[in-house]
Amino acid sequence: MATLVTRKDIPPWVKVPEDLNDPEVFQVHTLVLKSLFGPQGSRMHHIEQVSQAMFELKILESSGLTEVLIYGSCNHKLRAKWMLQSMAERYRLRQERGMLNLEEAMKTLELGQCLE
């Protein structure tokens, strides 16, 4: 499956044109992706460099999701996809734990008010 790459700043580790065919694709919540890549995507280049892959992001407005297209050699694409999905899952679990801690704190406060 050929995809039209819109990026002009193709990293030197991506071989043109062979690495630009058949990207790995997955969807992730846009807010999670913003957290992973930092403000204005400031960490994206570093993650691309570490994974030796290239990312293109397509925001799917109506769903709150972003489609991530990963280009590179087969091994690099799969490793980058696994890495990003793992980071997203870790973020989700941390958020979930934070919400549970918040709920516990709220219950404690409510109990404290009942005892007064």
PDB file of N, CA and C in Angstrom:
ATOM      1  N   MET A   1       0.835  -1.177   0.000  1.00  0.00           N
ATOM      2  CA  MET A   1       0.000   0.000   0.000  1.00  0.00           C
ATOM      3  C   MET A   1       0.882   1.243   0.000  1.00  0.00           C
ATOM      4  N   ALA A   2       0.840   2.025  -1.005  1.00  0.00           N
ATOM      5  CA  ALA A   2       1.637   3.254  -1.077  1.00  0.00           C
ATOM      6  C   ALA A   2       0.861   4.383  -0.429  1.00  0.00           C
ATOM      7  N   THR A   3       1.588   5.233   0.283  1.00  0.00           N
ATOM      8  CA  THR A   3       0.976   6.369   0.951  1.00  0.00           C
ATOM      9  C   THR A   3       1.717   7.622   0.526  1.00  0.00           C
ATOM     10  N   LEU A   4       0.993   8.699   0.383  1.00  0.00           N
ATOM     11  CA  LEU A   4       1.605   9.961   0.013  1.00  0.00           C
ATOM     12  C   LEU A   4       2.210  10.595   1.259  1.00  0.00           C
ATOM     13  N   VAL A   5       3.520  10.717   1.292  1.00  0.00           N
ATOM     14  CA  VAL A   5       4.212  11.326   2.420  1.00  0.00           C
ATOM     15  C   VAL A   5       4.206  12.826   2.203  1.00  0.00           C
ATOM     16  N   THR A   6       3.725  13.560   3.205  1.00  0.00           N
ATOM     17  CA  THR A   6       3.644  15.012   3.067  1.00  0.00           C
ATOM     18  C   THR A   6       4.805  15.737   3.735  1.00  0.00           C
ATOM     19  N   ARG A   7       5.572  15.030   4.545  1.00  0.00           N
ATOM     20  CA  ARG A   7       6.713  15.668   5.210  1.00  0.00           C
ATOM     21  C   ARG A   7       7.809  16.004   4.222  1.00  0.00           C
ATOM     22  N   LYS A   8       8.409  17.153   4.427  1.00  0.00           N
ATOM     23  CA  LYS A   8       9.534  17.557   3.573  1.00  0.00           C
ATOM     24  C   LYS A   8      10.869  17.282   4.268  1.00  0.00           C
ATOM     25  N   ASP A   9      10.849  17.182   5.599  1.00  0.00           N
ATOM     26  CA  ASP A   9      12.082  16.982   6.368  1.00  0.00           C
ATOM     27  C   ASP A   9      12.286  15.503   6.694  1.00  0.00           C
ATOM     28  N   ILE A  10      12.475  14.705   5.665  1.00  0.00           N
ATOM     29  CA  ILE A  10      12.651  13.259   5.858  1.00  0.00           C
ATOM     30  C   ILE A  10      14.017  13.017   6.504  1.00  0.00           C
ATOM     31  N   PRO A  11      14.021  12.327   7.661  1.00  0.00           N
ATOM     32  CA  PRO A  11      15.283  12.094   8.374  1.00  0.00           C
ATOM     33  C   PRO A  11      16.267  11.281   7.536  1.00  0.00           C
ATOM     34  N   PRO A  12      17.554  11.468   7.756  1.00  0.00           N
ATOM     35  CA  PRO A  12      18.576  10.787   6.950  1.00  0.00           C
ATOM     36  C   PRO A  12      18.567   9.264   7.093  1.00  0.00           C
ATOM     37  N   TRP A  13      18.029   8.732   8.191  1.00  0.00           N
ATOM     38  CA  TRP A  13      18.009   7.271   8.383  1.00  0.00           C
ATOM     39  C   TRP A  13      16.871   6.586   7.629  1.00  0.00           C
ATOM     40  N   VAL A  14      15.968   7.369   7.030  1.00  0.00           N
ATOM     41  CA  VAL A  14      14.876   6.804   6.246  1.00  0.00           C
ATOM     42  C   VAL A  14      15.310   6.751   4.787  1.00  0.00           C
ATOM     43  N   LYS A  15      15.264   5.547   4.217  1.00  0.00           N
ATOM     44  CA  LYS A  15      15.691   5.375   2.829  1.00  0.00           C
ATOM     45  C   LYS A  15      14.535   5.705   1.894  1.00  0.00           C
ATOM     46  N   VAL A  16      14.785   6.638   0.984  1.00  0.00           N
ATOM     47  CA  VAL A  16      13.760   7.049   0.010  1.00  0.00           C
ATOM     48  C   VAL A  16      14.052   6.311  -1.290  1.00  0.00           C
ATOM     49  N   PRO A  17      13.100   5.718  -1.941  1.00  0.00           N
ATOM     50  CA  PRO A  17      11.662   5.667  -1.629  1.00  0.00           C
ATOM     51  C   PRO A  17      11.240   4.410  -0.880  1.00  0.00           C
ATOM     52  N   GLU A  18      12.119   3.414  -0.732  1.00  0.00           N
ATOM     53  CA  GLU A  18      11.679   2.105  -0.226  1.00  0.00           C
ATOM     54  C   GLU A  18      11.079   2.152   1.193  1.00  0.00           C
ATOM     55  N   ASP A  19      11.609   2.983   2.092  1.00  0.00           N
ATOM     56  CA  ASP A  19      11.071   3.047   3.457  1.00  0.00           C
ATOM     57  C   ASP A  19       9.770   3.843   3.550  1.00  0.00           C
ATOM     58  N   LEU A  20       9.382   4.494   2.465  1.00  0.00           N
ATOM     59  CA  LEU A  20       8.162   5.306   2.496  1.00  0.00           C
ATOM     60  C   LEU A  20       6.927   4.539   2.037  1.00  0.00           C
ATOM     61  N   ASN A  21       7.109   3.274   1.721  1.00  0.00           N
ATOM     62  CA  ASN A  21       5.977   2.422   1.330  1.00  0.00           C
ATOM     63  C   ASN A  21       5.462   1.645   2.531  1.00  0.00           C
ATOM     64  N   ASP A  22       4.180   1.387   2.534  1.00  0.00           N
ATOM     65  CA  ASP A  22       3.543   0.510   3.505  1.00  0.00           C
ATOM     66  C   ASP A  22       3.848   0.878   4.967  1.00  0.00           C
ATOM     67  N   PRO A  23       3.403   2.039   5.425  1.00  0.00           N
ATOM     68  CA  PRO A  23       3.673   2.431   6.816  1.00  0.00           C
ATOM     69  C   PRO A  23       2.883   1.583   7.808  1.00  0.00           C
ATOM     70  N   GLU A  24       3.404   1.484   9.017  1.00  0.00           N
ATOM     71  CA  GLU A  24       2.635   0.921  10.132  1.00  0.00           C
ATOM     72  C   GLU A  24       1.690   2.029  10.576  1.00  0.00           C
ATOM     73  N   VAL A  25       0.445   1.683  10.875  1.00  0.00           N
ATOM     74  CA  VAL A  25      -0.553   2.683  11.229  1.00  0.00           C
ATOM     75  C   VAL A  25      -1.294   2.245  12.485  1.00  0.00           C
ATOM     76  N   PHE A  26      -1.489   3.183  13.395  1.00  0.00           N
ATOM     77  CA  PHE A  26      -2.366   2.932  14.539  1.00  0.00           C
ATOM     78  C   PHE A  26      -2.954   4.260  14.993  1.00  0.00           C
ATOM     79  N   GLN A  27      -3.983   4.171  15.816  1.00  0.00           N
ATOM     80  CA  GLN A  27      -4.654   5.365  16.308  1.00  0.00           C
ATOM     81  C   GLN A  27      -4.476   5.457  17.819  1.00  0.00           C
ATOM     82  N   VAL A  28      -4.326   6.688  18.284  1.00  0.00           N
ATOM     83  CA  VAL A  28      -4.149   6.935  19.712  1.00  0.00           C
ATOM     84  C   VAL A  28      -4.880   8.232  20.055  1.00  0.00           C
ATOM     85  N   HIS A  29      -5.320   8.363  21.297  1.00  0.00           N
ATOM     86  CA  HIS A  29      -5.990   9.592  21.707  1.00  0.00           C
ATOM     87  C   HIS A  29      -5.036  10.776  21.543  1.00  0.00           C
ATOM     88  N   THR A  30      -5.520  11.837  20.973  1.00  0.00           N
ATOM     89  CA  THR A  30      -4.709  13.017  20.678  1.00  0.00           C
ATOM     90  C   THR A  30      -4.069  13.579  21.944  1.00  0.00           C
ATOM     91  N   LEU A  31      -4.799  13.622  23.047  1.00  0.00           N
ATOM     92  CA  LEU A  31      -4.239  14.150  24.298  1.00  0.00           C
ATOM     93  C   LEU A  31      -3.078  13.299  24.801  1.00  0.00           C
ATOM     94  N   VAL A  32      -3.177  11.989  24.626  1.00  0.00           N
ATOM     95  CA  VAL A  32      -2.089  11.096  25.031  1.00  0.00           C
ATOM     96  C   VAL A  32      -0.862  11.370  24.166  1.00  0.00           C
ATOM     97  N   LEU A  33      -1.077  11.518  22.883  1.00  0.00           N
ATOM     98  CA  LEU A  33       0.033  11.778  21.961  1.00  0.00           C
ATOM     99  C   LEU A  33       0.716  13.102  22.277  1.00  0.00           C
ATOM    100  N   LYS A  34      -0.076  14.118  22.613  1.00  0.00           N
ATOM    101  CA  LYS A  34       0.504  15.411  22.991  1.00  0.00           C
ATOM    102  C   LYS A  34       1.377  15.262  24.227  1.00  0.00           C
ATOM    103  N   SER A  35       0.963  14.422  25.144  1.00  0.00           N
ATOM    104  CA  SER A  35       1.763  14.189  26.339  1.00  0.00           C
ATOM    105  C   SER A  35       3.060  13.454  25.995  1.00  0.00           C
ATOM    106  N   LEU A  36       2.986  12.475  25.093  1.00  0.00           N
ATOM    107  CA  LEU A  36       4.175  11.710  24.717  1.00  0.00           C
ATOM    108  C   LEU A  36       5.183  12.558  23.947  1.00  0.00           C
ATOM    109  N   PHE A  37       4.681  13.346  23.004  1.00  0.00           N
ATOM    110  CA  PHE A  37       5.568  14.111  22.125  1.00  0.00           C
ATOM    111  C   PHE A  37       5.924  15.489  22.676  1.00  0.00           C
ATOM    112  N   GLY A  38       5.276  15.915  23.746  1.00  0.00           N
ATOM    113  CA  GLY A  38       5.601  17.195  24.359  1.00  0.00           C
ATOM    114  C   GLY A  38       4.947  18.372  23.660  1.00  0.00           C
ATOM    115  N   PRO A  39       5.176  19.570  24.238  1.00  0.00           N
ATOM    116  CA  PRO A  39       4.580  20.789  23.667  1.00  0.00           C
ATOM    117  C   PRO A  39       5.042  21.002  22.222  1.00  0.00           C
ATOM    118  N   GLN A  40       4.108  21.244  21.349  1.00  0.00           N
ATOM    119  CA  GLN A  40       4.360  21.435  19.917  1.00  0.00           C
ATOM    120  C   GLN A  40       5.209  20.313  19.317  1.00  0.00           C
ATOM    121  N   GLY A  41       5.094  19.102  19.877  1.00  0.00           N
ATOM    122  CA  GLY A  41       5.824  17.953  19.339  1.00  0.00           C
ATOM    123  C   GLY A  41       7.319  18.013  19.556  1.00  0.00           C
ATOM    124  N   SER A  42       7.746  18.721  20.610  1.00  0.00           N
ATOM    125  CA  SER A  42       9.176  18.959  20.835  1.00  0.00           C
ATOM    126  C   SER A  42      10.004  17.688  21.020  1.00  0.00           C
ATOM    127  N   ARG A  43       9.400  16.603  21.491  1.00  0.00           N
ATOM    128  CA  ARG A  43      10.150  15.348  21.689  1.00  0.00           C
ATOM    129  C   ARG A  43      10.028  14.386  20.515  1.00  0.00           C
ATOM    130  N   MET A  44       9.227  14.737  19.517  1.00  0.00           N
ATOM    131  CA  MET A  44       8.978  13.814  18.408  1.00  0.00           C
ATOM    132  C   MET A  44      10.264  13.469  17.653  1.00  0.00           C
ATOM    133  N   HIS A  45      11.090  14.465  17.350  1.00  0.00           N
ATOM    134  CA  HIS A  45      12.320  14.199  16.601  1.00  0.00           C
ATOM    135  C   HIS A  45      13.231  13.237  17.371  1.00  0.00           C
ATOM    136  N   HIS A  46      13.324  13.426  18.681  1.00  0.00           N
ATOM    137  CA  HIS A  46      14.161  12.543  19.492  1.00  0.00           C
ATOM    138  C   HIS A  46      13.648  11.106  19.442  1.00  0.00           C
ATOM    139  N   ILE A  47      12.330  10.930  19.555  1.00  0.00           N
ATOM    140  CA  ILE A  47      11.753   9.584  19.516  1.00  0.00           C
ATOM    141  C   ILE A  47      11.950   8.969  18.134  1.00  0.00           C
ATOM    142  N   GLU A  48      11.836   9.774  17.082  1.00  0.00           N
ATOM    143  CA  GLU A  48      12.119   9.274  15.729  1.00  0.00           C
ATOM    144  C   GLU A  48      13.573   8.817  15.629  1.00  0.00           C
ATOM    145  N   GLN A  49      14.467   9.620  16.172  1.00  0.00           N
ATOM    146  CA  GLN A  49      15.890   9.311  16.085  1.00  0.00           C
ATOM    147  C   GLN A  49      16.219   8.023  16.843  1.00  0.00           C
ATOM    148  N   VAL A  50      15.680   7.878  18.042  1.00  0.00           N
ATOM    149  CA  VAL A  50      15.926   6.681  18.848  1.00  0.00           C
ATOM    150  C   VAL A  50      15.374   5.440  18.142  1.00  0.00           C
ATOM    151  N   SER A  51      14.193   5.567  17.550  1.00  0.00           N
ATOM    152  CA  SER A  51      13.561   4.417  16.906  1.00  0.00           C
ATOM    153  C   SER A  51      14.003   4.229  15.458  1.00  0.00           C
ATOM    154  N   GLN A  52      14.755   5.198  14.914  1.00  0.00           N
ATOM    155  CA  GLN A  52      15.213   5.153  13.523  1.00  0.00           C
ATOM    156  C   GLN A  52      14.031   4.996  12.566  1.00  0.00           C
ATOM    157  N   ALA A  53      12.958   5.734  12.865  1.00  0.00           N
ATOM    158  CA  ALA A  53      11.754   5.728  12.041  1.00  0.00           C
ATOM    159  C   ALA A  53      11.311   7.175  11.832  1.00  0.00           C
ATOM    160  N   MET A  54      10.281   7.356  11.030  1.00  0.00           N
ATOM    161  CA  MET A  54       9.719   8.681  10.787  1.00  0.00           C
ATOM    162  C   MET A  54       8.214   8.600  11.018  1.00  0.00           C
ATOM    163  N   PHE A  55       7.673   9.618  11.671  1.00  0.00           N
ATOM    164  CA  PHE A  55       6.243   9.640  11.984  1.00  0.00           C
ATOM    165  C   PHE A  55       5.535  10.732  11.207  1.00  0.00           C
ATOM    166  N   GLU A  56       4.323  10.425  10.807  1.00  0.00           N
ATOM    167  CA  GLU A  56       3.395  11.435  10.297  1.00  0.00           C
ATOM    168  C   GLU A  56       2.134  11.322  11.132  1.00  0.00           C
ATOM    169  N   LEU A  57       1.581  12.455  11.516  1.00  0.00           N
ATOM    170  CA  LEU A  57       0.397  12.471  12.359  1.00  0.00           C
ATOM    171  C   LEU A  57      -0.765  13.062  11.588  1.00  0.00           C
ATOM    172  N   LYS A  58      -1.903  12.395  11.667  1.00  0.00           N
ATOM    173  CA  LYS A  58      -3.129  12.889  11.032  1.00  0.00           C
ATOM    174  C   LYS A  58      -4.211  12.935  12.098  1.00  0.00           C
ATOM    175  N   ILE A  59      -4.583  14.144  12.502  1.00  0.00           N
ATOM    176  CA  ILE A  59      -5.606  14.306  13.523  1.00  0.00           C
ATOM    177  C   ILE A  59      -6.968  14.001  12.918  1.00  0.00           C
ATOM    178  N   LEU A  60      -7.695  13.119  13.572  1.00  0.00           N
ATOM    179  CA  LEU A  60      -9.040  12.753  13.147  1.00  0.00           C
ATOM    180  C   LEU A  60      -9.998  13.573  14.018  1.00  0.00           C
ATOM    181  N   GLU A  61     -10.343  14.753  13.524  1.00  0.00           N
ATOM    182  CA  GLU A  61     -11.052  15.774  14.293  1.00  0.00           C
ATOM    183  C   GLU A  61     -12.251  15.269  15.080  1.00  0.00           C
ATOM    184  N   SER A  62     -13.138  14.536  14.441  1.00  0.00           N
ATOM    185  CA  SER A  62     -14.411  14.197  15.073  1.00  0.00           C
ATOM    186  C   SER A  62     -14.284  13.171  16.195  1.00  0.00           C
ATOM    187  N   SER A  63     -13.188  12.426  16.239  1.00  0.00           N
ATOM    188  CA  SER A  63     -13.095  11.326  17.198  1.00  0.00           C
ATOM    189  C   SER A  63     -12.180  11.606  18.384  1.00  0.00           C
ATOM    190  N   GLY A  64     -11.376  12.663  18.319  1.00  0.00           N
ATOM    191  CA  GLY A  64     -10.409  12.910  19.383  1.00  0.00           C
ATOM    192  C   GLY A  64      -9.191  12.008  19.284  1.00  0.00           C
ATOM    193  N   LEU A  65      -9.069  11.329  18.147  1.00  0.00           N
ATOM    194  CA  LEU A  65      -7.934  10.429  17.922  1.00  0.00           C
ATOM    195  C   LEU A  65      -6.980  11.024  16.900  1.00  0.00           C
ATOM    196  N   THR A  66      -5.758  10.552  16.931  1.00  0.00           N
ATOM    197  CA  THR A  66      -4.765  10.894  15.912  1.00  0.00           C
ATOM    198  C   THR A  66      -4.271   9.597  15.304  1.00  0.00           C
ATOM    199  N   GLU A  67      -4.191   9.587  13.983  1.00  0.00           N
ATOM    200  CA  GLU A  67      -3.640   8.444  13.277  1.00  0.00           C
ATOM    201  C   GLU A  67      -2.139   8.659  13.157  1.00  0.00           C
ATOM    202  N   VAL A  68      -1.373   7.674  13.580  1.00  0.00           N
ATOM    203  CA  VAL A  68       0.085   7.741  13.516  1.00  0.00           C
ATOM    204  C   VAL A  68       0.552   6.817  12.405  1.00  0.00           C
ATOM    205  N   LEU A  69       1.266   7.385  11.429  1.00  0.00           N
ATOM    206  CA  LEU A  69       1.856   6.603  10.346  1.00  0.00           C
ATOM    207  C   LEU A  69       3.351   6.535  10.618  1.00  0.00           C
ATOM    208  N   ILE A  70       3.897   5.332  10.610  1.00  0.00           N
ATOM    209  CA  ILE A  70       5.305   5.122  10.930  1.00  0.00           C
ATOM    210  C   ILE A  70       6.011   4.564   9.707  1.00  0.00           C
ATOM    211  N   TYR A  71       7.043   5.274   9.275  1.00  0.00           N
ATOM    212  CA  TYR A  71       7.826   4.886   8.101  1.00  0.00           C
ATOM    213  C   TYR A  71       9.219   4.465   8.526  1.00  0.00           C
ATOM    214  N   GLY A  72       9.808   3.561   7.763  1.00  0.00           N
ATOM    215  CA  GLY A  72      11.169   3.109   8.012  1.00  0.00           C
ATOM    216  C   GLY A  72      11.300   1.669   7.544  1.00  0.00           C
ATOM    217  N   SER A  73      12.417   1.049   7.927  1.00  0.00           N
ATOM    218  CA  SER A  73      12.576  -0.371   7.594  1.00  0.00           C
ATOM    219  C   SER A  73      11.548  -1.162   8.397  1.00  0.00           C
ATOM    220  N   CYS A  74      11.297  -2.369   7.986  1.00  0.00           N
ATOM    221  CA  CYS A  74      10.274  -3.204   8.626  1.00  0.00           C
ATOM    222  C   CYS A  74      10.513  -3.315  10.132  1.00  0.00           C
ATOM    223  N   ASN A  75      11.728  -3.655  10.536  1.00  0.00           N
ATOM    224  CA  ASN A  75      12.035  -3.811  11.962  1.00  0.00           C
ATOM    225  C   ASN A  75      11.883  -2.501  12.724  1.00  0.00           C
ATOM    226  N   HIS A  76      12.352  -1.407  12.136  1.00  0.00           N
ATOM    227  CA  HIS A  76      12.262  -0.108  12.807  1.00  0.00           C
ATOM    228  C   HIS A  76      10.807   0.344  12.955  1.00  0.00           C
ATOM    229  N   LYS A  77       9.989   0.102  11.936  1.00  0.00           N
ATOM    230  CA  LYS A  77       8.573   0.470  12.017  1.00  0.00           C
ATOM    231  C   LYS A  77       7.882  -0.294  13.143  1.00  0.00           C
ATOM    232  N   LEU A  78       8.113  -1.597  13.193  1.00  0.00           N
ATOM    233  CA  LEU A  78       7.460  -2.414  14.214  1.00  0.00           C
ATOM    234  C   LEU A  78       7.933  -2.046  15.615  1.00  0.00           C
ATOM    235  N   ARG A  79       9.227  -1.800  15.756  1.00  0.00           N
ATOM    236  CA  ARG A  79       9.763  -1.408  17.071  1.00  0.00           C
ATOM    237  C   ARG A  79       9.202  -0.054  17.503  1.00  0.00           C
ATOM    238  N   ALA A  80       9.129   0.899  16.567  1.00  0.00           N
ATOM    239  CA  ALA A  80       8.596   2.226  16.887  1.00  0.00           C
ATOM    240  C   ALA A  80       7.121   2.146  17.273  1.00  0.00           C
ATOM    241  N   LYS A  81       6.362   1.344  16.554  1.00  0.00           N
ATOM    242  CA  LYS A  81       4.937   1.178  16.866  1.00  0.00           C
ATOM    243  C   LYS A  81       4.778   0.571  18.257  1.00  0.00           C
ATOM    244  N   TRP A  82       5.530  -0.474  18.549  1.00  0.00           N
ATOM    245  CA  TRP A  82       5.475  -1.101  19.864  1.00  0.00           C
ATOM    246  C   TRP A  82       5.854  -0.098  20.953  1.00  0.00           C
ATOM    247  N   MET A  83       6.914   0.677  20.705  1.00  0.00           N
ATOM    248  CA  MET A  83       7.383   1.645  21.689  1.00  0.00           C
ATOM    249  C   MET A  83       6.316   2.709  21.965  1.00  0.00           C
ATOM    250  N   LEU A  84       5.719   3.262  20.906  1.00  0.00           N
ATOM    251  CA  LEU A  84       4.699   4.292  21.085  1.00  0.00           C
ATOM    252  C   LEU A  84       3.448   3.737  21.774  1.00  0.00           C
ATOM    253  N   GLN A  85       3.040   2.544  21.381  1.00  0.00           N
ATOM    254  CA  GLN A  85       1.871   1.941  22.021  1.00  0.00           C
ATOM    255  C   GLN A  85       2.144   1.648  23.501  1.00  0.00           C
ATOM    256  N   SER A  86       3.348   1.218  23.813  1.00  0.00           N
ATOM    257  CA  SER A  86       3.718   0.955  25.206  1.00  0.00           C
ATOM    258  C   SER A  86       3.733   2.252  26.013  1.00  0.00           C
ATOM    259  N   MET A  87       4.286   3.309  25.439  1.00  0.00           N
ATOM    260  CA  MET A  87       4.310   4.607  26.117  1.00  0.00           C
ATOM    261  C   MET A  87       2.884   5.118  26.349  1.00  0.00           C
ATOM    262  N   ALA A  88       2.012   4.943  25.360  1.00  0.00           N
ATOM    263  CA  ALA A  88       0.623   5.390  25.483  1.00  0.00           C
ATOM    264  C   ALA A  88      -0.096   4.592  26.570  1.00  0.00           C
ATOM    265  N   GLU A  89       0.144   3.300  26.623  1.00  0.00           N
ATOM    266  CA  GLU A  89      -0.488   2.455  27.647  1.00  0.00           C
ATOM    267  C   GLU A  89       0.016   2.838  29.038  1.00  0.00           C
ATOM    268  N   ARG A  90       1.298   3.096  29.156  1.00  0.00           N
ATOM    269  CA  ARG A  90       1.862   3.508  30.451  1.00  0.00           C
ATOM    270  C   ARG A  90       1.241   4.832  30.896  1.00  0.00           C
ATOM    271  N   TYR A  91       1.092   5.766  29.967  1.00  0.00           N
ATOM    272  CA  TYR A  91       0.462   7.045  30.274  1.00  0.00           C
ATOM    273  C   TYR A  91      -0.971   6.821  30.749  1.00  0.00           C
ATOM    274  N   ARG A  92      -1.708   5.971  30.036  1.00  0.00           N
ATOM    275  CA  ARG A  92      -3.099   5.684  30.396  1.00  0.00           C
ATOM    276  C   ARG A  92      -3.185   5.087  31.805  1.00  0.00           C
ATOM    277  N   LEU A  93      -2.303   4.149  32.120  1.00  0.00           N
ATOM    278  CA  LEU A  93      -2.304   3.525  33.437  1.00  0.00           C
ATOM    279  C   LEU A  93      -1.964   4.531  34.535  1.00  0.00           C
ATOM    280  N   ARG A  94      -1.015   5.421  34.262  1.00  0.00           N
ATOM    281  CA  ARG A  94      -0.670   6.461  35.236  1.00  0.00           C
ATOM    282  C   ARG A  94      -1.847   7.393  35.475  1.00  0.00           C
ATOM    283  N   GLN A  95      -2.558   7.745  34.409  1.00  0.00           N
ATOM    284  CA  GLN A  95      -3.735   8.601  34.541  1.00  0.00           C
ATOM    285  C   GLN A  95      -4.810   7.884  35.355  1.00  0.00           C
ATOM    286  N   GLU A  96      -4.997   6.606  35.069  1.00  0.00           N
ATOM    287  CA  GLU A  96      -5.995   5.812  35.780  1.00  0.00           C
ATOM    288  C   GLU A  96      -5.660   5.745  37.265  1.00  0.00           C
ATOM    289  N   ARG A  97      -4.380   5.503  37.578  1.00  0.00           N
ATOM    290  CA  ARG A  97      -3.949   5.455  38.973  1.00  0.00           C
ATOM    291  C   ARG A  97      -4.161   6.800  39.655  1.00  0.00           C
ATOM    292  N   GLY A  98      -3.884   7.871  38.920  1.00  0.00           N
ATOM    293  CA  GLY A  98      -4.096   9.219  39.456  1.00  0.00           C
ATOM    294  C   GLY A  98      -5.556   9.454  39.784  1.00  0.00           C
ATOM    295  N   MET A  99      -6.452   8.983  38.924  1.00  0.00           N
ATOM    296  CA  MET A  99      -7.884   9.139  39.172  1.00  0.00           C
ATOM    297  C   MET A  99      -8.316   8.319  40.382  1.00  0.00           C
ATOM    298  N   LEU A 100      -7.766   7.110  40.534  1.00  0.00           N
ATOM    299  CA  LEU A 100      -8.100   6.289  41.696  1.00  0.00           C
ATOM    300  C   LEU A 100      -7.618   6.966  42.976  1.00  0.00           C
ATOM    301  N   ASN A 101      -6.404   7.537  42.931  1.00  0.00           N
ATOM    302  CA  ASN A 101      -5.891   8.251  44.096  1.00  0.00           C
ATOM    303  C   ASN A 101      -6.762   9.456  44.419  1.00  0.00           C
ATOM    304  N   LEU A 102      -7.225  10.153  43.402  1.00  0.00           N
ATOM    305  CA  LEU A 102      -8.102  11.304  43.594  1.00  0.00           C
ATOM    306  C   LEU A 102      -9.431  10.866  44.210  1.00  0.00           C
ATOM    307  N   GLU A 103      -9.987   9.771  43.714  1.00  0.00           N
ATOM    308  CA  GLU A 103     -11.242   9.256  44.265  1.00  0.00           C
ATOM    309  C   GLU A 103     -11.070   8.876  45.741  1.00  0.00           C
ATOM    310  N   GLU A 104      -9.956   8.233  46.074  1.00  0.00           N
ATOM    311  CA  GLU A 104      -9.683   7.865  47.472  1.00  0.00           C
ATOM    312  C   GLU A 104      -9.580   9.113  48.347  1.00  0.00           C
ATOM    313  N   ALA A 105      -8.893  10.127  47.856  1.00  0.00           N
ATOM    314  CA  ALA A 105      -8.753  11.373  48.611  1.00  0.00           C
ATOM    315  C   ALA A 105     -10.114  12.024  48.823  1.00  0.00           C
ATOM    316  N   MET A 106     -10.950  12.002  47.777  1.00  0.00           N
ATOM    317  CA  MET A 106     -12.291  12.589  47.890  1.00  0.00           C
ATOM    318  C   MET A 106     -13.121  11.829  48.923  1.00  0.00           C
ATOM    319  N   LYS A 107     -13.038  10.500  48.921  1.00  0.00           N
ATOM    320  CA  LYS A 107     -13.773   9.687  49.900  1.00  0.00           C
ATOM    321  C   LYS A 107     -13.287   9.988  51.312  1.00  0.00           C
ATOM    322  N   THR A 108     -11.979  10.114  51.480  1.00  0.00           N
ATOM    323  CA  THR A 108     -11.401  10.427  52.779  1.00  0.00           C
ATOM    324  C   THR A 108     -11.913  11.773  53.272  1.00  0.00           C
ATOM    325  N   LEU A 109     -11.943  12.752  52.380  1.00  0.00           N
ATOM    326  CA  LEU A 109     -12.461  14.069  52.746  1.00  0.00           C
ATOM    327  C   LEU A 109     -13.929  13.992  53.138  1.00  0.00           C
ATOM    328  N   GLU A 110     -14.695  13.227  52.376  1.00  0.00           N
ATOM    329  CA  GLU A 110     -16.119  13.073  52.685  1.00  0.00           C
ATOM    330  C   GLU A 110     -16.318  12.396  54.038  1.00  0.00           C
ATOM    331  N   LEU A 111     -15.506  11.375  54.332  1.00  0.00           N
ATOM    332  CA  LEU A 111     -15.594  10.690  55.632  1.00  0.00           C
ATOM    333  C   LEU A 111     -15.224  11.638  56.749  1.00  0.00           C
ATOM    334  N   GLY A 112     -14.191  12.431  56.533  1.00  0.00           N
ATOM    335  CA  GLY A 112     -13.755  13.406  57.536  1.00  0.00           C
ATOM    336  C   GLY A 112     -14.836  14.406  57.852  1.00  0.00           C
ATOM    337  N   GLN A 113     -15.587  14.835  56.838  1.00  0.00           N
ATOM    338  CA  GLN A 113     -16.666  15.792  57.057  1.00  0.00           C
ATOM    339  C   GLN A 113     -17.812  15.156  57.810  1.00  0.00           C
ATOM    340  N   CYS A 114     -18.057  13.873  57.568  1.00  0.00           N
ATOM    341  CA  CYS A 114     -19.151  13.170  58.246  1.00  0.00           C
ATOM    342  C   CYS A 114     -18.845  12.988  59.727  1.00  0.00           C
ATOM    343  N   LEU A 115     -17.558  12.844  60.073  1.00  0.00           N
ATOM    344  CA  LEU A 115     -17.172  12.602  61.459  1.00  0.00           C
ATOM    345  C   LEU A 115     -17.200  13.881  62.296  1.00  0.00           C
ATOM    346  N   GLU A 116     -17.176  15.021  61.684  1.00  0.00           N
ATOM    347  CA  GLU A 116     -17.150  16.295  62.422  1.00  0.00           C
ATOM    348  C   GLU A 116     -18.473  16.658  62.995  1.00  0.00           C
TER     349      GLU A 116
END
